[in-house]
Amino acid sequence: MDLPALSVADLQQKLRSREISSVEVLDALDARITAVDSRIHGYLSRDLAAAKELAATADVSLPLGGVPIAIKDVINVKGEQCTCASKILQGYRSPYDATVIRKLRAAGAIPFGRCNMDEFAMGSSTENSAFGPTLNPWDTTRVPGGSSGGSAAVVAADEAFAALGSDTGGSIRQPAALCGIVGLKPTYGRVSRFGLVAFASSLDQIGPFTKTVRDASLLLNAIAGRDPLDSTSLDEPVPDYTALLGRDLKGVRLGMPREYFIEGIDPQVDAAIRAAMRHYESLGAEIVEVSLPHTEHAVGVYYIIATAECSANLARFDGVRYGHRAQGAANLLETYGRTREEGFGPEVKRRIILGTFVLSSGYSEAYYGCAQKVRTLIRRDFTAAFEKVDAIICPTAPEVAFKTGDRSDDPLKMYLADIFTIAANLAGICGISIPCGFASVDGTRLPIGLQLLARPFDEVRLLQIAHAYEQSTAWHQARPKQGND
């Protein structure tokens, strides 16, 4: 039995039937990581002994009892390092659990392994990690996407049954697409951000990477809900997110946004998404053209708001209380400057500088204020579209995984990798990426992701629509060679 290849739902069945134990699962998973991860570099660290202590007493009757879950290195787990893939936080160990970790433990899950990422979640390729890039399991000369590339890669390569990531402008959905797995970004406020190291507080959201839509539903069941420790989490009822899985799509209307089918999109990606639309029609759904007219401004608005908020959030990393501190400085001001110079990488510095500029005296209203007004217009576009349709269907990314290093010297081209995912964060809605085909590039098969977007707090319907497509196709069953040789 190839234990690491199992879905969470299938693993649960075997644990509950006592066919296997949680300790045996961890041993098999650790063996898999040892065999594969030297080529992928999806993990920064893992503590097998601590995880096995939890596994020995795991209550498999709980919703996720005995299931190991990998964690992006931006989410705090008590007693473990939380570096955010940055030198400035090397040596820092969290004194507390993030709320999502506390909820996973309450559901019986075992946090296991810290996943690589772009430093402070700033990037679209996981090349910005201070500890080296993560590689795509489908082709290790290519990127896995970002910023949660480590989380996506380990699930795709069967080095994890599921993982948590964070999504600020597409950092769950885009790497899920490039790695051929499921990535869910919940509605802003649906999942607590307490214990998530903040990048852009009005955009960040935690969500799961999984092998199937059902698994994503199971993890969302565990982590969703109001948290008094997070003032931005909302007091909305938490339904059973598996409730509509398996329902047919008769009467469902899917909106095709004309602004998302643009010149420059990879022809193979375009063809796969259009084929997915035809497949949805065969399942009983109706495809309706809709318009999101302010889409063209989304990237510009995002990189004003996100950098402004990152500039404020990262001011706390000063070398005084924890993490890296520059040695030999003559005074406190020099300590601050040298600590940040030594501790932050180039992309983080770039965004801090940009954010500080757009918030500076005389520019705040011209840039940040105007961006917030356009953000409102983008949200209104989605509100109007959802009056006509149940969900929106579009590409997750305009192309498949690109070569490592191809965009390192072109930040603007890198930023455009998130062109189809950013607007959902600005609007605060929920979205999911699911596999929908492959492109052939230089003789290599590379995954293509289909993105579905739904109105705020309508994850139940979003997951129903995603599940119907997934279960009537075989794309999600494919596994990368690199992960299985």
Protein backbone atom coordinates (compact mmCIF):
# COMPACT_ATOMS: atom_id res chain seq x y z
CA MET A 1 0.00 0.00 0.00
CA ASP A 2 1.34 3.43 -0.99
CA LEU A 3 0.24 5.29 2.12
CA PRO A 4 1.56 8.78 1.19
CA ALA A 5 -0.48 8.74 -2.04
CA LEU A 6 -3.79 8.50 -0.15
CA SER A 7 -6.24 11.34 0.15
CA VAL A 8 -7.20 12.57 3.61
CA ALA A 9 -10.64 10.95 3.29
CA ASP A 10 -9.15 7.57 2.33
CA LEU A 11 -6.54 7.82 5.08
CA GLN A 12 -9.28 8.51 7.62
CA GLN A 13 -11.07 5.30 6.64
CA LYS A 14 -7.96 3.21 7.11
CA LEU A 15 -7.16 4.81 10.45
CA ARG A 16 -10.68 4.33 11.77
CA SER A 17 -10.81 0.70 10.64
CA ARG A 18 -7.49 0.15 12.48
CA GLU A 19 -5.97 -1.11 9.23
CA ILE A 20 -3.05 1.20 9.97
CA SER A 21 -1.95 3.36 12.89
CA SER A 22 -1.12 7.05 12.89
CA VAL A 23 2.46 6.22 13.90
CA GLU A 24 2.80 3.94 10.85
CA VAL A 25 1.44 6.75 8.69
CA LEU A 26 4.09 9.14 9.96
CA ASP A 27 6.86 6.61 9.39
CA ALA A 28 5.70 6.06 5.79
CA LEU A 29 5.37 9.79 5.20
CA ASP A 30 8.82 10.51 6.65
CA ALA A 31 10.33 7.82 4.43
CA ARG A 32 8.68 9.44 1.43
CA ILE A 33 10.02 12.87 2.36
CA THR A 34 13.51 11.44 2.84
CA ALA A 35 13.37 9.84 -0.61
CA VAL A 36 11.91 12.78 -2.52
CA ASP A 37 12.43 16.12 -0.83
CA SER A 38 16.12 16.52 -1.64
CA ARG A 39 14.96 17.12 -5.23
CA ILE A 40 11.92 19.26 -4.39
CA HIS A 41 12.98 21.19 -1.26
CA GLY A 42 9.41 21.65 -0.13
CA TYR A 43 10.19 21.40 3.59
CA LEU A 44 12.34 23.65 5.73
CA SER A 45 12.12 21.43 8.82
CA ARG A 46 10.16 18.64 10.46
CA ASP A 47 10.15 17.00 13.88
CA LEU A 48 9.23 13.33 13.51
CA ALA A 49 9.73 12.47 17.18
CA ALA A 50 7.34 15.17 18.40
CA ALA A 51 4.75 14.21 15.78
CA LYS A 52 4.96 10.53 16.75
CA GLU A 53 4.30 11.42 20.38
CA LEU A 54 1.03 13.02 19.28
CA ALA A 55 0.27 10.13 16.90
CA ALA A 56 0.64 7.55 19.68
CA THR A 57 -2.41 8.97 21.46
CA ALA A 58 -4.35 10.21 18.41
CA ASP A 59 -8.13 9.84 18.61
CA VAL A 60 -8.98 8.59 15.13
CA SER A 61 -12.70 9.07 15.76
CA LEU A 62 -12.21 12.83 15.50
CA PRO A 63 -12.81 14.54 12.12
CA LEU A 64 -9.10 14.59 11.23
CA GLY A 65 -7.91 12.15 13.90
CA GLY A 66 -4.32 11.02 13.31
CA VAL A 67 -3.90 12.84 9.99
CA PRO A 68 -0.56 14.70 9.54
CA ILE A 69 -0.91 18.19 8.00
CA ALA A 70 2.05 20.20 6.67
CA ILE A 71 2.20 23.90 7.61
CA LYS A 72 3.46 26.88 5.62
CA ASP A 73 6.31 28.54 7.52
CA VAL A 74 4.28 31.71 8.09
CA ILE A 75 1.85 30.10 10.57
CA ASN A 76 2.89 29.80 14.21
CA VAL A 77 3.05 26.36 15.83
CA LYS A 78 4.04 26.31 19.49
CA GLY A 79 7.64 25.28 20.07
CA GLU A 80 8.51 25.23 16.37
CA GLN A 81 10.51 27.67 14.30
CA CYS A 82 8.53 30.20 12.29
CA THR A 83 11.04 31.85 9.97
CA CYS A 84 8.74 33.06 7.17
CA ALA A 85 11.67 31.83 5.00
CA SER A 86 13.63 34.90 6.13
CA LYS A 87 17.04 35.31 7.75
CA ILE A 88 15.58 37.97 10.01
CA LEU A 89 13.55 35.33 11.89
CA GLN A 90 16.16 32.60 12.04
CA GLY A 91 16.18 31.05 15.50
CA TYR A 92 12.73 32.35 16.47
CA ARG A 93 10.46 29.70 18.00
CA SER A 94 6.80 30.36 18.47
CA PRO A 95 5.52 30.49 22.07
CA TYR A 96 1.92 29.81 20.96
CA ASP A 97 -0.31 28.07 18.43
CA ALA A 98 -2.10 30.00 15.70
CA THR A 99 -5.87 29.58 15.94
CA VAL A 100 -5.92 27.35 12.84
CA ILE A 101 -3.34 25.08 14.50
CA ARG A 102 -5.36 24.95 17.69
CA LYS A 103 -8.43 24.02 15.62
CA LEU A 104 -6.54 21.37 13.68
CA ARG A 105 -5.38 19.82 16.95
CA ALA A 106 -8.95 19.89 18.29
CA ALA A 107 -10.02 18.00 15.15
CA GLY A 108 -7.32 15.39 15.86
CA ALA A 109 -4.83 16.43 13.16
CA ILE A 110 -1.07 16.41 13.71
CA PRO A 111 0.89 19.44 12.44
CA PHE A 112 3.95 17.96 10.76
CA GLY A 113 6.61 19.85 8.86
CA ARG A 114 7.34 23.47 8.00
CA CYS A 115 6.95 24.25 4.30
CA ASN A 116 9.17 26.54 2.26
CA MET A 117 7.75 29.78 0.84
CA ASP A 118 8.64 33.12 -0.67
CA GLU A 119 10.08 35.28 2.10
CA PHE A 120 7.23 36.80 4.15
CA ALA A 121 4.86 35.45 1.47
CA MET A 122 6.12 37.98 -1.08
CA GLY A 123 6.47 36.28 -4.45
CA SER A 124 4.89 34.06 -7.08
CA SER A 125 7.56 31.39 -7.49
CA THR A 126 9.07 30.40 -4.10
CA GLU A 127 12.42 31.62 -5.40
CA ASN A 128 12.54 34.39 -2.78
CA SER A 129 13.15 32.06 0.18
CA ALA A 130 16.30 32.81 2.15
CA PHE A 131 16.84 29.05 2.34
CA GLY A 132 16.75 28.27 -1.38
CA PRO A 133 13.94 27.73 -3.90
CA THR A 134 11.37 24.97 -4.00
CA LEU A 135 11.12 23.11 -7.32
CA ASN A 136 8.07 21.86 -9.19
CA PRO A 137 7.57 18.08 -8.87
CA TRP A 138 6.36 17.89 -12.49
CA ASP A 139 9.60 19.40 -13.78
CA THR A 140 12.34 20.32 -11.34
CA THR A 141 13.73 22.95 -13.70
CA ARG A 142 10.52 24.95 -13.11
CA VAL A 143 8.92 26.85 -10.24
CA PRO A 144 6.02 25.49 -8.15
CA GLY A 145 4.37 28.93 -7.94
CA GLY A 146 4.22 31.05 -4.84
CA SER A 147 4.22 32.23 -2.28
CA SER A 148 3.02 28.92 -0.81
CA GLY A 149 5.07 26.87 -3.25
CA GLY A 150 6.47 24.52 -0.62
CA SER A 151 2.99 23.60 0.62
CA ALA A 152 1.78 22.95 -2.94
CA ALA A 153 4.84 20.96 -3.97
CA VAL A 154 4.81 18.58 -0.98
CA VAL A 155 1.14 17.72 -1.54
CA ALA A 156 1.69 17.22 -5.28
CA ALA A 157 4.72 14.98 -4.65
CA ASP A 158 2.85 12.90 -2.00
CA GLU A 159 5.14 14.24 0.72
CA ALA A 160 2.03 15.43 2.57
CA PHE A 161 -1.61 14.40 2.67
CA ALA A 162 -2.62 18.06 2.91
CA ALA A 163 -1.06 21.38 3.85
CA LEU A 164 -2.00 24.84 5.01
CA GLY A 165 -0.96 27.93 3.08
CA SER A 166 -1.85 31.60 2.97
CA ASP A 167 -3.31 33.58 0.08
CA THR A 168 -2.77 37.35 -0.18
CA GLY A 169 -3.05 37.73 -3.95
CA GLY A 170 -3.23 34.15 -5.19
CA SER A 171 -0.61 32.41 -3.07
CA ILE A 172 -2.74 29.31 -2.57
CA ARG A 173 -4.54 29.10 -5.91
CA GLN A 174 -1.62 29.89 -8.24
CA PRO A 175 0.82 27.27 -6.84
CA ALA A 176 -2.04 24.75 -6.65
CA ALA A 177 -2.58 25.32 -10.38
CA LEU A 178 1.10 25.02 -11.26
CA CYS A 179 1.47 21.83 -9.18
CA GLY A 180 -1.77 20.15 -10.29
CA ILE A 181 -3.62 19.98 -6.97
CA VAL A 182 -6.56 21.64 -5.18
CA GLY A 183 -6.05 25.01 -3.48
CA LEU A 184 -8.84 26.79 -1.59
CA LYS A 185 -8.87 30.46 -0.57
CA PRO A 186 -11.77 30.99 1.84
CA THR A 187 -13.70 34.24 2.12
CA TYR A 188 -11.84 36.97 4.00
CA GLY A 189 -12.96 36.63 7.63
CA ARG A 190 -14.00 32.98 7.27
CA VAL A 191 -10.78 31.65 8.86
CA SER A 192 -8.92 33.28 11.74
CA ARG A 193 -5.62 34.99 10.93
CA PHE A 194 -4.44 34.97 14.54
CA GLY A 195 -0.96 33.45 14.50
CA LEU A 196 -0.44 34.10 10.81
CA VAL A 197 2.55 36.44 10.37
CA ALA A 198 0.96 39.36 8.55
CA PHE A 199 1.95 40.47 5.07
CA ALA A 200 -1.09 42.57 4.07
CA SER A 201 -3.71 42.41 6.78
CA SER A 202 -6.74 43.32 4.66
CA LEU A 203 -5.89 40.65 2.06
CA ASP A 204 -4.30 37.66 3.85
CA GLN A 205 -6.33 34.49 4.31
CA ILE A 206 -5.34 30.96 5.40
CA GLY A 207 -6.56 27.98 3.40
CA PRO A 208 -5.82 24.33 2.52
CA PHE A 209 -3.91 22.52 -0.22
CA THR A 210 -5.30 19.04 -0.84
CA LYS A 211 -5.44 16.22 -3.38
CA THR A 212 -9.23 16.37 -3.71
CA VAL A 213 -12.08 18.83 -3.24
CA ARG A 214 -13.58 16.62 -0.53
CA ASP A 215 -10.34 16.89 1.43
CA ALA A 216 -10.44 20.68 1.09
CA SER A 217 -13.98 20.61 2.50
CA LEU A 218 -12.86 18.49 5.45
CA LEU A 219 -10.02 20.87 6.32
CA LEU A 220 -12.24 23.92 5.98
CA ASN A 221 -14.73 22.27 8.35
CA ALA A 222 -11.93 22.11 10.91
CA ILE A 223 -10.43 25.60 10.60
CA ALA A 224 -13.41 27.87 9.79
CA GLY A 225 -15.23 30.04 12.31
CA ARG A 226 -15.25 33.21 14.37
CA ASP A 227 -12.24 33.83 16.60
CA PRO A 228 -12.28 36.49 19.34
CA LEU A 229 -8.50 36.78 18.91
CA ASP A 230 -8.95 38.04 15.34
CA SER A 231 -11.13 41.12 14.98
CA THR A 232 -11.40 40.57 11.23
CA SER A 233 -12.93 37.09 11.53
CA LEU A 234 -16.69 37.24 11.11
CA ASP A 235 -19.44 35.67 13.18
CA GLU A 236 -21.01 33.70 10.32
CA PRO A 237 -22.50 30.22 10.80
CA VAL A 238 -20.09 27.41 9.91
CA PRO A 239 -21.94 24.90 7.74
CA ASP A 240 -20.84 21.40 6.84
CA TYR A 241 -18.77 22.12 3.75
CA THR A 242 -19.27 18.57 2.48
CA ALA A 243 -23.07 19.01 2.50
CA LEU A 244 -23.58 19.55 -1.24
CA LEU A 245 -20.76 17.36 -2.54
CA GLY A 246 -22.23 14.94 -5.06
CA ARG A 247 -25.24 17.11 -5.96
CA ASP A 248 -25.86 17.66 -9.67
CA LEU A 249 -25.40 21.02 -11.36
CA LYS A 250 -28.82 21.43 -12.93
CA GLY A 251 -29.79 25.09 -12.77
CA VAL A 252 -26.27 26.24 -11.83
CA ARG A 253 -25.10 29.31 -13.76
CA LEU A 254 -21.39 29.89 -14.26
CA GLY A 255 -20.09 33.28 -15.35
CA MET A 256 -17.31 33.58 -17.92
CA PRO A 257 -15.68 37.00 -17.36
CA ARG A 258 -14.67 38.43 -20.71
CA GLU A 259 -11.80 40.37 -19.09
CA TYR A 260 -10.10 37.12 -18.03
CA PHE A 261 -9.76 35.76 -21.57
CA ILE A 262 -7.13 38.15 -22.82
CA GLU A 263 -4.36 38.38 -25.36
CA GLY A 264 -1.20 36.83 -23.97
CA ILE A 265 -2.80 33.88 -22.22
CA ASP A 266 -1.10 30.59 -23.10
CA PRO A 267 -3.15 28.98 -25.93
CA GLN A 268 -3.02 25.59 -24.21
CA VAL A 269 -4.34 27.12 -20.99
CA ASP A 270 -7.11 28.90 -22.90
CA ALA A 271 -8.08 25.67 -24.66
CA ALA A 272 -8.17 23.69 -21.40
CA ILE A 273 -10.39 26.25 -19.66
CA ARG A 274 -12.80 26.38 -22.60
CA ALA A 275 -12.92 22.57 -22.64
CA ALA A 276 -13.75 22.65 -18.92
CA MET A 277 -16.62 25.04 -19.65
CA ARG A 278 -18.02 22.66 -22.26
CA HIS A 279 -17.70 19.84 -19.75
CA TYR A 280 -19.64 21.86 -17.19
CA GLU A 281 -22.39 22.37 -19.78
CA SER A 282 -22.53 18.60 -20.25
CA LEU A 283 -23.05 18.29 -16.48
CA GLY A 284 -26.10 20.57 -16.66
CA ALA A 285 -24.56 23.96 -15.85
CA GLU A 286 -25.20 27.05 -17.95
CA ILE A 287 -22.29 29.26 -19.02
CA VAL A 288 -23.11 32.99 -19.06
CA GLU A 289 -20.79 35.78 -20.15
CA VAL A 290 -20.27 38.41 -17.46
CA SER A 291 -18.13 41.51 -17.16
CA LEU A 292 -15.73 42.61 -14.43
CA PRO A 293 -14.84 45.97 -15.96
CA HIS A 294 -12.29 47.15 -13.39
CA THR A 295 -10.13 44.01 -13.71
CA GLU A 296 -7.44 45.91 -15.63
CA HIS A 297 -6.71 47.98 -12.50
CA ALA A 298 -6.45 45.01 -10.11
CA VAL A 299 -2.69 44.43 -10.32
CA GLY A 300 -1.88 48.12 -9.82
CA VAL A 301 -4.32 48.47 -6.93
CA TYR A 302 -3.01 45.31 -5.28
CA TYR A 303 0.63 46.39 -5.38
CA ILE A 304 -0.26 49.70 -3.75
CA ILE A 305 -2.44 48.27 -0.98
CA ALA A 306 -0.33 45.16 -0.32
CA THR A 307 2.98 47.00 -0.19
CA ALA A 308 1.56 49.77 2.01
CA GLU A 309 0.29 47.21 4.51
CA CYS A 310 3.52 45.18 4.36
CA SER A 311 5.54 48.35 5.05
CA ALA A 312 3.54 48.87 8.25
CA ASN A 313 3.48 45.20 9.30
CA LEU A 314 7.18 44.51 8.81
CA ALA A 315 8.23 47.52 10.87
CA ARG A 316 8.04 45.22 13.91
CA PHE A 317 11.11 43.26 12.77
CA ASP A 318 13.82 45.42 14.28
CA GLY A 319 16.27 43.00 15.88
CA VAL A 320 15.34 44.08 19.40
CA ARG A 321 12.89 41.48 20.66
CA TYR A 322 13.52 38.36 18.58
CA GLY A 323 15.18 37.06 15.44
CA HIS A 324 18.35 38.31 13.81
CA ARG A 325 20.19 41.32 15.25
CA ALA A 326 23.14 43.03 13.55
CA GLN A 327 26.31 43.06 15.63
CA GLY A 328 28.68 45.96 16.21
CA ALA A 329 26.25 48.80 15.52
CA ALA A 330 27.17 52.15 17.12
CA ASN A 331 23.62 53.08 18.15
CA LEU A 332 20.00 51.95 18.04
CA LEU A 333 19.23 53.55 14.68
CA GLU A 334 22.19 51.82 13.09
CA THR A 335 21.08 48.53 14.69
CA TYR A 336 17.68 48.89 13.02
CA GLY A 337 19.14 49.70 9.62
CA ARG A 338 21.82 47.04 9.58
CA THR A 339 19.50 44.35 10.99
CA ARG A 340 17.00 44.95 8.21
CA GLU A 341 19.68 45.22 5.58
CA GLU A 342 21.15 41.85 6.63
CA GLY A 343 17.86 40.14 7.46
CA PHE A 344 15.49 41.01 4.61
CA GLY A 345 15.90 39.74 1.05
CA PRO A 346 15.69 41.87 -2.13
CA GLU A 347 11.97 41.35 -2.85
CA VAL A 348 10.93 42.18 0.71
CA LYS A 349 13.06 45.33 0.64
CA ARG A 350 11.55 46.30 -2.70
CA ARG A 351 8.02 46.04 -1.36
CA ILE A 352 8.80 47.82 1.91
CA ILE A 353 10.31 50.73 -0.02
CA LEU A 354 7.35 50.91 -2.40
CA GLY A 355 4.87 50.70 0.47
CA THR A 356 6.65 53.35 2.48
CA PHE A 357 6.57 55.64 -0.54
CA VAL A 358 2.82 55.26 -1.19
CA LEU A 359 2.12 56.01 2.48
CA SER A 360 4.47 58.96 2.73
CA SER A 361 3.36 62.51 3.36
CA GLY A 362 1.82 64.05 0.27
CA TYR A 363 1.34 60.71 -1.51
CA SER A 364 -0.95 58.71 0.78
CA GLU A 365 -4.24 59.97 -0.66
CA ALA A 366 -2.94 60.06 -4.22
CA TYR A 367 -1.90 56.41 -4.11
CA TYR A 368 -3.28 54.45 -1.14
CA GLY A 369 -6.51 56.43 -0.91
CA CYS A 370 -7.25 56.13 -4.62
CA ALA A 371 -6.36 52.42 -4.61
CA GLN A 372 -8.92 51.80 -1.88
CA LYS A 373 -11.59 53.56 -3.95
CA VAL A 374 -10.83 51.41 -6.99
CA ARG A 375 -10.84 48.35 -4.72
CA THR A 376 -14.45 49.21 -3.86
CA LEU A 377 -15.29 49.33 -7.57
CA ILE A 378 -13.69 45.90 -8.09
CA ARG A 379 -15.78 44.47 -5.27
CA ARG A 380 -18.91 46.00 -6.79
CA ASP A 381 -18.08 44.33 -10.11
CA PHE A 382 -18.19 40.93 -8.40
CA THR A 383 -21.37 41.79 -6.50
CA ALA A 384 -23.09 42.68 -9.78
CA ALA A 385 -21.83 39.52 -11.49
CA PHE A 386 -23.06 37.29 -8.66
CA GLU A 387 -26.56 38.66 -9.10
CA LYS A 388 -26.57 36.80 -12.43
CA VAL A 389 -24.49 33.69 -11.72
CA ASP A 390 -23.68 31.23 -8.93
CA ALA A 391 -19.95 31.24 -9.56
CA ILE A 392 -17.34 32.59 -11.96
CA ILE A 393 -15.16 30.28 -14.06
CA CYS A 394 -11.78 31.35 -15.42
CA PRO A 395 -8.08 30.41 -15.57
CA THR A 396 -6.12 30.38 -12.32
CA ALA A 397 -2.93 31.51 -14.03
CA PRO A 398 -2.29 32.77 -17.57
CA GLU A 399 0.36 30.11 -18.20
CA VAL A 400 1.87 26.94 -16.78
CA ALA A 401 4.94 26.76 -14.53
CA PHE A 402 7.83 28.81 -15.87
CA LYS A 403 11.54 28.03 -15.63
CA THR A 404 13.35 28.78 -12.37
CA GLY A 405 15.27 32.03 -12.80
CA ASP A 406 13.37 33.18 -15.88
CA ARG A 407 11.74 36.14 -14.14
CA SER A 408 14.15 36.90 -11.34
CA ASP A 409 15.29 40.12 -13.00
CA ASP A 410 11.82 41.23 -14.13
CA PRO A 411 9.58 41.95 -11.11
CA LEU A 412 6.71 43.29 -13.24
CA LYS A 413 6.54 40.12 -15.32
CA MET A 414 6.63 38.10 -12.09
CA TYR A 415 3.79 40.16 -10.60
CA LEU A 416 1.61 39.45 -13.64
CA ALA A 417 1.64 35.73 -12.77
CA ASP A 418 -1.16 36.57 -10.30
CA ILE A 419 -3.25 38.63 -12.71
CA PHE A 420 -6.30 36.30 -12.46
CA THR A 421 -6.14 35.70 -8.70
CA ILE A 422 -5.52 39.15 -7.23
CA ALA A 423 -9.05 40.55 -7.70
CA ALA A 424 -10.61 37.89 -5.46
CA ASN A 425 -8.46 39.06 -2.54
CA LEU A 426 -9.30 42.70 -3.20
CA ALA A 427 -13.00 41.78 -3.20
CA GLY A 428 -12.75 39.41 -0.20
CA ILE A 429 -14.57 36.56 -1.96
CA CYS A 430 -13.79 32.83 -1.93
CA GLY A 431 -12.02 30.94 -4.69
CA ILE A 432 -10.61 27.55 -5.56
CA SER A 433 -8.20 26.13 -8.12
CA ILE A 434 -8.65 22.57 -9.37
CA PRO A 435 -6.74 20.60 -12.02
CA CYS A 436 -8.31 20.73 -15.50
CA GLY A 437 -5.68 19.45 -17.91
CA PHE A 438 -2.10 19.58 -19.05
CA ALA A 439 0.03 21.60 -21.41
CA SER A 440 2.94 20.08 -23.29
CA VAL A 441 6.08 22.22 -23.06
CA ASP A 442 9.38 20.91 -24.44
CA GLY A 443 8.03 17.39 -24.15
CA THR A 444 6.99 17.79 -20.50
CA ARG A 445 3.40 17.63 -19.23
CA LEU A 446 2.64 20.58 -16.97
CA PRO A 447 -0.62 21.01 -15.02
CA ILE A 448 -3.26 23.64 -15.81
CA GLY A 449 -5.53 25.04 -13.09
CA LEU A 450 -9.21 25.99 -13.39
CA GLN A 451 -10.32 28.76 -11.03
CA LEU A 452 -13.83 29.06 -9.62
CA LEU A 453 -14.90 32.12 -7.64
CA ALA A 454 -18.06 32.52 -5.54
CA ARG A 455 -19.77 35.18 -3.48
CA PRO A 456 -18.62 35.78 0.10
CA PHE A 457 -19.29 32.87 2.50
CA ASP A 458 -20.68 30.65 -0.28
CA GLU A 459 -17.93 28.05 0.01
CA VAL A 460 -20.53 25.26 0.20
CA ARG A 461 -21.73 26.05 -3.34
CA LEU A 462 -18.17 26.70 -4.56
CA LEU A 463 -17.04 23.28 -3.35
CA GLN A 464 -20.11 21.58 -4.84
CA ILE A 465 -19.35 23.04 -8.26
CA ALA A 466 -15.65 22.17 -8.04
CA HIS A 467 -16.36 18.63 -6.82
CA ALA A 468 -18.79 17.91 -9.67
CA TYR A 469 -16.11 18.68 -12.27
CA GLU A 470 -13.37 16.88 -10.38
CA GLN A 471 -15.30 13.66 -9.93
CA SER A 472 -16.39 13.53 -13.59
CA THR A 473 -12.82 13.91 -14.87
CA ALA A 474 -9.53 12.20 -14.08
CA TRP A 475 -7.17 15.18 -13.96
CA HIS A 476 -6.82 15.13 -10.16
CA GLN A 477 -5.62 11.51 -10.24
CA ALA A 478 -2.44 12.29 -12.18
CA ARG A 479 0.80 12.33 -10.24
CA PRO A 480 4.17 13.83 -11.22
CA LYS A 481 6.98 11.51 -12.25
CA GLN A 482 9.52 13.35 -10.13
CA GLY A 483 7.42 12.70 -7.07
CA ASN A 484 7.11 8.99 -7.80
CA ASP A 485 10.35 7.73 -9.27
